[in-house]
Amino acid sequence: MICAKTVVEGLAERGQWIATAESCSGGLLAAAITDIPGSSEVFGYGLVTYSNVAKMRLLGVAEQTLLEHGAVSEQTARAMASGLLHLSGADFALVTTGIAGPGGGSVDKPVGLVYIGCASAEDCQVQRCQFNGDRAAVRAQTVETALQLAARMMGLPH
Protein backbone atom coordinates (compact mmCIF):
# COMPACT_ATOMS: atom_id res chain seq x y z
CA MET A 1 0.00 0.00 0.00
CA ILE A 2 1.43 3.33 -1.09
CA CYS A 3 1.02 6.38 1.08
CA ALA A 4 1.29 10.10 0.55
CA LYS A 5 4.59 10.10 2.44
CA THR A 6 6.20 7.91 -0.22
CA VAL A 7 5.04 10.23 -3.00
CA VAL A 8 6.11 13.38 -1.13
CA GLU A 9 9.54 11.93 -0.36
CA GLY A 10 9.94 10.72 -3.95
CA LEU A 11 9.14 14.16 -5.31
CA ALA A 12 11.48 15.85 -2.83
CA GLU A 13 14.36 13.52 -3.76
CA ARG A 14 13.88 14.45 -7.42
CA GLY A 15 13.31 18.16 -6.87
CA GLN A 16 9.89 17.85 -8.53
CA TRP A 17 6.41 18.91 -7.58
CA ILE A 18 2.80 17.84 -8.03
CA ALA A 19 -0.59 19.48 -8.45
CA THR A 20 -4.07 18.01 -7.97
CA ALA A 21 -7.52 18.63 -9.41
CA GLU A 22 -10.31 16.71 -7.76
CA SER A 23 -13.95 16.12 -8.38
CA CYS A 24 -15.32 13.14 -6.43
CA SER A 25 -12.55 13.19 -3.83
CA GLY A 26 -13.35 16.82 -3.02
CA GLY A 27 -9.92 17.85 -1.76
CA LEU A 28 -9.08 14.67 0.17
CA LEU A 29 -6.16 13.91 -2.16
CA ALA A 30 -4.64 17.35 -1.58
CA ALA A 31 -5.27 16.93 2.14
CA ALA A 32 -3.49 13.55 2.17
CA ILE A 33 -0.46 15.09 0.50
CA THR A 34 -0.38 18.24 2.64
CA ASP A 35 -0.72 16.18 5.82
CA ILE A 36 2.90 15.13 5.25
CA PRO A 37 5.60 17.37 6.77
CA GLY A 38 7.68 18.93 4.01
CA SER A 39 4.88 18.77 1.46
CA SER A 40 5.14 22.53 0.90
CA GLU A 41 8.33 21.82 -1.04
CA VAL A 42 6.55 19.53 -3.51
CA PHE A 43 2.88 20.56 -3.62
CA GLY A 44 1.90 23.67 -5.52
CA TYR A 45 -1.76 23.52 -6.53
CA GLY A 46 -4.89 21.82 -5.29
CA LEU A 47 -8.13 22.51 -7.11
CA VAL A 48 -11.57 21.10 -6.44
CA THR A 49 -13.26 21.14 -9.83
CA TYR A 50 -16.54 19.57 -8.77
CA SER A 51 -18.76 21.14 -11.42
CA ASN A 52 -18.47 20.85 -15.18
CA VAL A 53 -18.14 24.64 -15.33
CA ALA A 54 -15.06 24.45 -13.09
CA LYS A 55 -13.59 21.67 -15.22
CA MET A 56 -14.04 23.83 -18.32
CA ARG A 57 -12.98 27.21 -16.90
CA LEU A 58 -10.08 26.14 -14.74
CA LEU A 59 -8.74 23.08 -16.53
CA GLY A 60 -9.75 23.76 -20.12
CA VAL A 61 -11.87 20.62 -20.49
CA ALA A 62 -13.82 21.05 -23.72
CA GLU A 63 -17.58 21.33 -23.36
CA GLN A 64 -17.87 18.83 -26.21
CA THR A 65 -15.87 16.27 -24.20
CA LEU A 66 -18.29 16.63 -21.29
CA LEU A 67 -21.34 16.46 -23.57
CA GLU A 68 -20.13 13.39 -25.47
CA HIS A 69 -18.51 11.41 -22.65
CA GLY A 70 -19.70 12.95 -19.39
CA ALA A 71 -17.74 14.22 -16.41
CA VAL A 72 -17.03 10.66 -15.31
CA SER A 73 -15.04 9.31 -18.24
CA GLU A 74 -11.54 8.49 -19.37
CA GLN A 75 -11.67 11.39 -21.82
CA THR A 76 -12.56 13.92 -19.12
CA ALA A 77 -9.91 12.59 -16.71
CA ARG A 78 -7.30 12.83 -19.48
CA ALA A 79 -8.38 16.39 -20.33
CA MET A 80 -8.35 17.37 -16.65
CA ALA A 81 -4.82 16.01 -16.18
CA SER A 82 -3.52 17.66 -19.33
CA GLY A 83 -5.19 20.96 -18.45
CA LEU A 84 -3.84 20.93 -14.90
CA LEU A 85 -0.33 20.13 -16.09
CA HIS A 86 -0.49 23.13 -18.43
CA LEU A 87 -2.07 25.45 -15.84
CA SER A 88 0.25 24.59 -12.98
CA GLY A 89 3.57 23.90 -14.64
CA ALA A 90 3.94 20.98 -12.21
CA ASP A 91 6.01 17.90 -12.97
CA PHE A 92 2.97 15.72 -12.24
CA ALA A 93 -0.75 16.50 -12.42
CA LEU A 94 -3.00 14.09 -10.51
CA VAL A 95 -6.78 14.20 -11.00
CA THR A 96 -9.94 12.39 -9.92
CA THR A 97 -13.47 12.28 -11.32
CA GLY A 98 -16.16 9.81 -10.36
CA ILE A 99 -19.39 8.94 -8.61
CA ALA A 100 -18.94 8.61 -4.85
CA GLY A 101 -22.62 8.02 -4.13
CA PRO A 102 -24.89 7.18 -2.61
CA GLY A 103 -26.88 8.65 -5.52
CA GLY A 104 -25.87 9.79 -8.98
CA GLY A 105 -25.12 6.40 -10.48
CA SER A 106 -26.69 4.73 -13.50
CA VAL A 107 -26.49 1.38 -15.25
CA ASP A 108 -23.67 2.64 -17.47
CA LYS A 109 -21.94 4.59 -14.72
CA PRO A 110 -22.63 3.00 -11.34
CA VAL A 111 -21.80 4.44 -7.95
CA GLY A 112 -18.15 3.78 -7.23
CA LEU A 113 -16.99 4.35 -10.82
CA VAL A 114 -13.93 6.60 -10.71
CA TYR A 115 -11.36 7.69 -13.28
CA ILE A 116 -7.97 8.76 -11.99
CA GLY A 117 -5.50 10.51 -14.25
CA CYS A 118 -1.86 11.40 -13.87
CA ALA A 119 0.06 13.45 -16.41
CA SER A 120 3.68 14.43 -16.82
CA ALA A 121 5.47 16.06 -19.73
CA GLU A 122 6.20 12.57 -21.11
CA ASP A 123 3.02 10.63 -20.40
CA CYS A 124 -0.62 10.71 -19.37
CA GLN A 125 -2.20 7.64 -17.80
CA VAL A 126 -5.82 7.17 -16.84
CA GLN A 127 -7.03 4.35 -14.63
CA ARG A 128 -10.67 3.22 -14.53
CA CYS A 129 -11.73 1.97 -11.09
CA GLN A 130 -14.90 0.43 -9.72
CA PHE A 131 -14.86 0.86 -5.96
CA ASN A 132 -17.25 -0.64 -3.41
CA GLY A 133 -18.64 0.71 -0.19
CA ASP A 134 -20.28 3.90 0.97
CA ARG A 135 -19.32 7.43 -0.05
CA ALA A 136 -16.47 7.65 2.45
CA ALA A 137 -15.06 4.30 1.33
CA VAL A 138 -15.19 5.25 -2.36
CA ARG A 139 -13.42 8.54 -1.66
CA ALA A 140 -10.75 6.88 0.51
CA GLN A 141 -10.08 4.24 -2.16
CA THR A 142 -9.87 7.00 -4.76
CA VAL A 143 -7.15 8.80 -2.80
CA GLU A 144 -5.12 5.63 -2.22
CA THR A 145 -5.37 4.55 -5.85
CA ALA A 146 -4.45 8.04 -7.08
CA LEU A 147 -1.32 7.97 -4.92
CA GLN A 148 -0.47 4.53 -6.33
CA LEU A 149 -0.82 5.84 -9.88
CA ALA A 150 1.41 8.83 -9.10
CA ALA A 151 4.00 6.49 -7.58
CA ARG A 152 3.95 4.30 -10.72
CA MET A 153 4.37 7.34 -12.95
CA MET A 154 7.31 8.46 -10.82
CA GLY A 155 8.89 5.01 -10.88
CA LEU A 156 8.56 4.56 -7.11
CA PRO A 157 7.95 1.21 -5.43
CA HIS A 158 4.26 0.69 -4.74
C-alpha atoms as a PDB file:
ATOM      1  CA  MET A   1       0.000   0.000   0.000  1.00  0.00           C
ATOM      2  CA  ILE A   2       1.428   3.329  -1.086  1.00  0.00           C
ATOM      3  CA  CYS A   3       1.020   6.380   1.078  1.00  0.00           C
ATOM      4  CA  ALA A   4       1.292  10.098   0.547  1.00  0.00           C
ATOM      5  CA  LYS A   5       4.585  10.102   2.443  1.00  0.00           C
ATOM      6  CA  THR A   6       6.201   7.913  -0.218  1.00  0.00           C
ATOM      7  CA  VAL A   7       5.039  10.231  -2.996  1.00  0.00           C
ATOM      8  CA  VAL A   8       6.105  13.384  -1.132  1.00  0.00           C
ATOM      9  CA  GLU A   9       9.541  11.928  -0.359  1.00  0.00           C
ATOM     10  CA  GLY A  10       9.936  10.719  -3.951  1.00  0.00           C
ATOM     11  CA  LEU A  11       9.138  14.156  -5.313  1.00  0.00           C
ATOM     12  CA  ALA A  12      11.483  15.847  -2.829  1.00  0.00           C
ATOM     13  CA  GLU A  13      14.359  13.521  -3.763  1.00  0.00           C
ATOM     14  CA  ARG A  14      13.880  14.449  -7.421  1.00  0.00           C
ATOM     15  CA  GLY A  15      13.311  18.161  -6.873  1.00  0.00           C
ATOM     16  CA  GLN A  16       9.893  17.846  -8.525  1.00  0.00           C
ATOM     17  CA  TRP A  17       6.409  18.906  -7.583  1.00  0.00           C
ATOM     18  CA  ILE A  18       2.801  17.839  -8.029  1.00  0.00           C
ATOM     19  CA  ALA A  19      -0.595  19.479  -8.450  1.00  0.00           C
ATOM     20  CA  THR A  20      -4.070  18.011  -7.972  1.00  0.00           C
ATOM     21  CA  ALA A  21      -7.523  18.633  -9.414  1.00  0.00           C
ATOM     22  CA  GLU A  22     -10.306  16.705  -7.762  1.00  0.00           C
ATOM     23  CA  SER A  23     -13.946  16.125  -8.378  1.00  0.00           C
ATOM     24  CA  CYS A  24     -15.323  13.142  -6.432  1.00  0.00           C
ATOM     25  CA  SER A  25     -12.547  13.191  -3.825  1.00  0.00           C
ATOM     26  CA  GLY A  26     -13.348  16.825  -3.020  1.00  0.00           C
ATOM     27  CA  GLY A  27      -9.920  17.846  -1.755  1.00  0.00           C
ATOM     28  CA  LEU A  28      -9.080  14.667   0.168  1.00  0.00           C
ATOM     29  CA  LEU A  29      -6.162  13.915  -2.156  1.00  0.00           C
ATOM     30  CA  ALA A  30      -4.640  17.350  -1.583  1.00  0.00           C
ATOM     31  CA  ALA A  31      -5.265  16.931   2.145  1.00  0.00           C
ATOM     32  CA  ALA A  32      -3.488  13.551   2.170  1.00  0.00           C
ATOM     33  CA  ILE A  33      -0.455  15.095   0.504  1.00  0.00           C
ATOM     34  CA  THR A  34      -0.378  18.237   2.638  1.00  0.00           C
ATOM     35  CA  ASP A  35      -0.722  16.181   5.824  1.00  0.00           C
ATOM     36  CA  ILE A  36       2.899  15.131   5.247  1.00  0.00           C
ATOM     37  CA  PRO A  37       5.602  17.368   6.772  1.00  0.00           C
ATOM     38  CA  GLY A  38       7.682  18.929   4.012  1.00  0.00           C
ATOM     39  CA  SER A  39       4.882  18.770   1.459  1.00  0.00           C
ATOM     40  CA  SER A  40       5.137  22.534   0.901  1.00  0.00           C
ATOM     41  CA  GLU A  41       8.326  21.817  -1.036  1.00  0.00           C
ATOM     42  CA  VAL A  42       6.549  19.527  -3.511  1.00  0.00           C
ATOM     43  CA  PHE A  43       2.876  20.560  -3.616  1.00  0.00           C
ATOM     44  CA  GLY A  44       1.898  23.669  -5.524  1.00  0.00           C
ATOM     45  CA  TYR A  45      -1.764  23.521  -6.526  1.00  0.00           C
ATOM     46  CA  GLY A  46      -4.889  21.815  -5.290  1.00  0.00           C
ATOM     47  CA  LEU A  47      -8.125  22.508  -7.113  1.00  0.00           C
ATOM     48  CA  VAL A  48     -11.569  21.098  -6.436  1.00  0.00           C
ATOM     49  CA  THR A  49     -13.260  21.138  -9.825  1.00  0.00           C
ATOM     50  CA  TYR A  50     -16.537  19.574  -8.774  1.00  0.00           C
ATOM     51  CA  SER A  51     -18.755  21.143 -11.423  1.00  0.00           C
ATOM     52  CA  ASN A  52     -18.471  20.854 -15.180  1.00  0.00           C
ATOM     53  CA  VAL A  53     -18.136  24.638 -15.335  1.00  0.00           C
ATOM     54  CA  ALA A  54     -15.062  24.450 -13.089  1.00  0.00           C
ATOM     55  CA  LYS A  55     -13.588  21.673 -15.222  1.00  0.00           C
ATOM     56  CA  MET A  56     -14.045  23.827 -18.323  1.00  0.00           C
ATOM     57  CA  ARG A  57     -12.982  27.209 -16.903  1.00  0.00           C
ATOM     58  CA  LEU A  58     -10.078  26.145 -14.736  1.00  0.00           C
ATOM     59  CA  LEU A  59      -8.739  23.078 -16.533  1.00  0.00           C
ATOM     60  CA  GLY A  60      -9.753  23.760 -20.116  1.00  0.00           C
ATOM     61  CA  VAL A  61     -11.868  20.620 -20.491  1.00  0.00           C
ATOM     62  CA  ALA A  62     -13.816  21.054 -23.720  1.00  0.00           C
ATOM     63  CA  GLU A  63     -17.577  21.328 -23.357  1.00  0.00           C
ATOM     64  CA  GLN A  64     -17.875  18.829 -26.209  1.00  0.00           C
ATOM     65  CA  THR A  65     -15.872  16.268 -24.197  1.00  0.00           C
ATOM     66  CA  LEU A  66     -18.288  16.633 -21.293  1.00  0.00           C
ATOM     67  CA  LEU A  67     -21.342  16.463 -23.566  1.00  0.00           C
ATOM     68  CA  GLU A  68     -20.128  13.393 -25.471  1.00  0.00           C
ATOM     69  CA  HIS A  69     -18.513  11.412 -22.653  1.00  0.00           C
ATOM     70  CA  GLY A  70     -19.697  12.951 -19.390  1.00  0.00           C
ATOM     71  CA  ALA A  71     -17.741  14.219 -16.411  1.00  0.00           C
ATOM     72  CA  VAL A  72     -17.029  10.656 -15.309  1.00  0.00           C
ATOM     73  CA  SER A  73     -15.037   9.308 -18.242  1.00  0.00           C
ATOM     74  CA  GLU A  74     -11.542   8.486 -19.375  1.00  0.00           C
ATOM     75  CA  GLN A  75     -11.668  11.386 -21.821  1.00  0.00           C
ATOM     76  CA  THR A  76     -12.556  13.916 -19.122  1.00  0.00           C
ATOM     77  CA  ALA A  77      -9.914  12.594 -16.714  1.00  0.00           C
ATOM     78  CA  ARG A  78      -7.299  12.830 -19.475  1.00  0.00           C
ATOM     79  CA  ALA A  79      -8.376  16.389 -20.333  1.00  0.00           C
ATOM     80  CA  MET A  80      -8.353  17.365 -16.649  1.00  0.00           C
ATOM     81  CA  ALA A  81      -4.816  16.011 -16.176  1.00  0.00           C
ATOM     82  CA  SER A  82      -3.521  17.660 -19.325  1.00  0.00           C
ATOM     83  CA  GLY A  83      -5.189  20.964 -18.451  1.00  0.00           C
ATOM     84  CA  LEU A  84      -3.845  20.927 -14.904  1.00  0.00           C
ATOM     85  CA  LEU A  85      -0.331  20.130 -16.095  1.00  0.00           C
ATOM     86  CA  HIS A  86      -0.486  23.135 -18.431  1.00  0.00           C
ATOM     87  CA  LEU A  87      -2.074  25.450 -15.840  1.00  0.00           C
ATOM     88  CA  SER A  88       0.250  24.593 -12.977  1.00  0.00           C
ATOM     89  CA  GLY A  89       3.574  23.895 -14.637  1.00  0.00           C
ATOM     90  CA  ALA A  90       3.944  20.980 -12.209  1.00  0.00           C
ATOM     91  CA  ASP A  91       6.010  17.902 -12.968  1.00  0.00           C
ATOM     92  CA  PHE A  92       2.966  15.721 -12.240  1.00  0.00           C
ATOM     93  CA  ALA A  93      -0.754  16.502 -12.420  1.00  0.00           C
ATOM     94  CA  LEU A  94      -3.003  14.090 -10.514  1.00  0.00           C
ATOM     95  CA  VAL A  95      -6.782  14.199 -11.004  1.00  0.00           C
ATOM     96  CA  THR A  96      -9.943  12.391  -9.924  1.00  0.00           C
ATOM     97  CA  THR A  97     -13.465  12.279 -11.319  1.00  0.00           C
ATOM     98  CA  GLY A  98     -16.160   9.811 -10.361  1.00  0.00           C
ATOM     99  CA  ILE A  99     -19.392   8.943  -8.608  1.00  0.00           C
ATOM    100  CA  ALA A 100     -18.936   8.609  -4.852  1.00  0.00           C
ATOM    101  CA  GLY A 101     -22.622   8.019  -4.130  1.00  0.00           C
ATOM    102  CA  PRO A 102     -24.892   7.181  -2.609  1.00  0.00           C
ATOM    103  CA  GLY A 103     -26.883   8.649  -5.522  1.00  0.00           C
ATOM    104  CA  GLY A 104     -25.875   9.789  -8.977  1.00  0.00           C
ATOM    105  CA  GLY A 105     -25.121   6.404 -10.477  1.00  0.00           C
ATOM    106  CA  SER A 106     -26.694   4.731 -13.498  1.00  0.00           C
ATOM    107  CA  VAL A 107     -26.495   1.375 -15.246  1.00  0.00           C
ATOM    108  CA  ASP A 108     -23.674   2.637 -17.475  1.00  0.00           C
ATOM    109  CA  LYS A 109     -21.936   4.590 -14.722  1.00  0.00           C
ATOM    110  CA  PRO A 110     -22.627   3.002 -11.336  1.00  0.00           C
ATOM    111  CA  VAL A 111     -21.802   4.441  -7.946  1.00  0.00           C
ATOM    112  CA  GLY A 112     -18.145   3.775  -7.232  1.00  0.00           C
ATOM    113  CA  LEU A 113     -16.991   4.349 -10.824  1.00  0.00           C
ATOM    114  CA  VAL A 114     -13.929   6.599 -10.713  1.00  0.00           C
ATOM    115  CA  TYR A 115     -11.358   7.687 -13.278  1.00  0.00           C
ATOM    116  CA  ILE A 116      -7.974   8.762 -11.994  1.00  0.00           C
ATOM    117  CA  GLY A 117      -5.495  10.513 -14.250  1.00  0.00           C
ATOM    118  CA  CYS A 118      -1.857  11.402 -13.871  1.00  0.00           C
ATOM    119  CA  ALA A 119       0.062  13.450 -16.409  1.00  0.00           C
ATOM    120  CA  SER A 120       3.681  14.430 -16.821  1.00  0.00           C
ATOM    121  CA  ALA A 121       5.474  16.060 -19.731  1.00  0.00           C
ATOM    122  CA  GLU A 122       6.197  12.570 -21.105  1.00  0.00           C
ATOM    123  CA  ASP A 123       3.022  10.627 -20.401  1.00  0.00           C
ATOM    124  CA  CYS A 124      -0.622  10.712 -19.366  1.00  0.00           C
ATOM    125  CA  GLN A 125      -2.200   7.642 -17.803  1.00  0.00           C
ATOM    126  CA  VAL A 126      -5.821   7.167 -16.836  1.00  0.00           C
ATOM    127  CA  GLN A 127      -7.027   4.355 -14.634  1.00  0.00           C
ATOM    128  CA  ARG A 128     -10.665   3.216 -14.529  1.00  0.00           C
ATOM    129  CA  CYS A 129     -11.734   1.967 -11.092  1.00  0.00           C
ATOM    130  CA  GLN A 130     -14.903   0.429  -9.721  1.00  0.00           C
ATOM    131  CA  PHE A 131     -14.859   0.862  -5.959  1.00  0.00           C
ATOM    132  CA  ASN A 132     -17.249  -0.637  -3.412  1.00  0.00           C
ATOM    133  CA  GLY A 133     -18.641   0.712  -0.191  1.00  0.00           C
ATOM    134  CA  ASP A 134     -20.276   3.898   0.970  1.00  0.00           C
ATOM    135  CA  ARG A 135     -19.322   7.433  -0.046  1.00  0.00           C
ATOM    136  CA  ALA A 136     -16.466   7.655   2.452  1.00  0.00           C
ATOM    137  CA  ALA A 137     -15.062   4.301   1.329  1.00  0.00           C
ATOM    138  CA  VAL A 138     -15.187   5.250  -2.358  1.00  0.00           C
ATOM    139  CA  ARG A 139     -13.424   8.537  -1.656  1.00  0.00           C
ATOM    140  CA  ALA A 140     -10.752   6.881   0.508  1.00  0.00           C
ATOM    141  CA  GLN A 141     -10.083   4.237  -2.159  1.00  0.00           C
ATOM    142  CA  THR A 142      -9.871   6.999  -4.757  1.00  0.00           C
ATOM    143  CA  VAL A 143      -7.150   8.802  -2.801  1.00  0.00           C
ATOM    144  CA  GLU A 144      -5.121   5.633  -2.217  1.00  0.00           C
ATOM    145  CA  THR A 145      -5.373   4.553  -5.853  1.00  0.00           C
ATOM    146  CA  ALA A 146      -4.447   8.036  -7.078  1.00  0.00           C
ATOM    147  CA  LEU A 147      -1.316   7.974  -4.925  1.00  0.00           C
ATOM    148  CA  GLN A 148      -0.465   4.531  -6.326  1.00  0.00           C
ATOM    149  CA  LEU A 149      -0.820   5.841  -9.882  1.00  0.00           C
ATOM    150  CA  ALA A 150       1.408   8.826  -9.100  1.00  0.00           C
ATOM    151  CA  ALA A 151       4.001   6.489  -7.582  1.00  0.00           C
ATOM    152  CA  ARG A 152       3.950   4.302 -10.725  1.00  0.00           C
ATOM    153  CA  MET A 153       4.370   7.335 -12.954  1.00  0.00           C
ATOM    154  CA  MET A 154       7.312   8.459 -10.816  1.00  0.00           C
ATOM    155  CA  GLY A 155       8.893   5.006 -10.882  1.00  0.00           C
ATOM    156  CA  LEU A 156       8.562   4.565  -7.106  1.00  0.00           C
ATOM    157  CA  PRO A 157       7.952   1.207  -5.434  1.00  0.00           C
ATOM    158  CA  HIS A 158       4.261   0.694  -4.741  1.00  0.00           C
END
